[in-house]
């Protein structure tokens, strides 16, 4: 494996480390808190396996016929607890009824965001809802492969680079693998997230047990966020939350996200899921503030499963032009003061860092930034 020359060339999926049979590669966080592969050249045999599983060196297929849908789950409780229209839950429950397993991003120890394995409906809450953090995939590729080799149905849901990495890692198609990727804005630093969790725990003097990035209690498409520390729930606008402000300001995203090759409908997964932004211009009768899922079916397998689950949802078919939201057209640009932001994160105590990275403070500091 040759080391990449620019950090924009690594999405941090970790497939190379898991594919290395000699243990020559391990994922190590950099100063911004993003994991990158580190090579022990003395253990490398130049087998080429790491390169073969790298999604940054492969291109998704474009020559497919695709179907596009707007979807809302009929079960209102499921829809309220979901980020968009709740279609992920319907797909997951379908696979679980087949005695299969589901993989998705959830919270682990100390609120670390990692992919988790779900085997029964009662566990689905682990992996529902969006997490504005890059998930840890350690051990997941091999776990999925083991489940498939044992004949189980598997639903895997992740970012498009993670889903494509899994496909390359497996090296062959499986009839019982349902590969689902997301319309992804970009993935923030796990270390900044961890620092924010500790900051809130110190502030409220307790242990955090949940954080909802898109709380829909106000029927406003999830413009609130909420978290639980101890026995108390705290709720506020996402625009008043520092972490969410950094995320939507494009300060905390991984460098590769700003050159993402997956900002297109042309993907190799079975399904792509996301929020149906712009629904008010397509179907006003379904625009009720509680979210609607965009569903893109890329494969024949996706078409067959769609026929089996569509009775559980309200839906309409639409065209490609109706779904082309910004993150299906181009990656998001990095914040102009991203370098300054990350420098402040490295050198300041976190409580002071929060004060110095408010929008007004960053605008003041921009006069001193010569990058």
Foldseek 3Di string as FASTA:
>chain_A
DDDDPDLLLAQQLCLLCVQDPQNQWDWDQDLLQGTDIDGDVVRDPPPCLSVQLQLSNDDFDFPFDKWKKKWAFPPVVQLQLALFRNVVLLVQVVQLVQQAKEWAWFADPLRATAIDIGRDSVCCSRHGADDQADHHDPPVLVVVLVRVVVPGQYEYEEAQSNLSSSVSSNVDDGLRYAYEYELDQAHFRSVVVSLVQVVVCVVVVFGWDDKHQFRQPVLQSRQKIWTDGDHDIDIDGLCPDLVSVCSVLQQGGRSNLQVDPQLAPRGNGQKYKYWQPPVCVVPVVPRRSSHIMMIMGGDPSSVVVCVVRVVRIDMDIDDPVSRNDPSNPHHDHHRPCNVVLSVLVSPDNVVVSSVCPDPVNVVVCVVVDPD
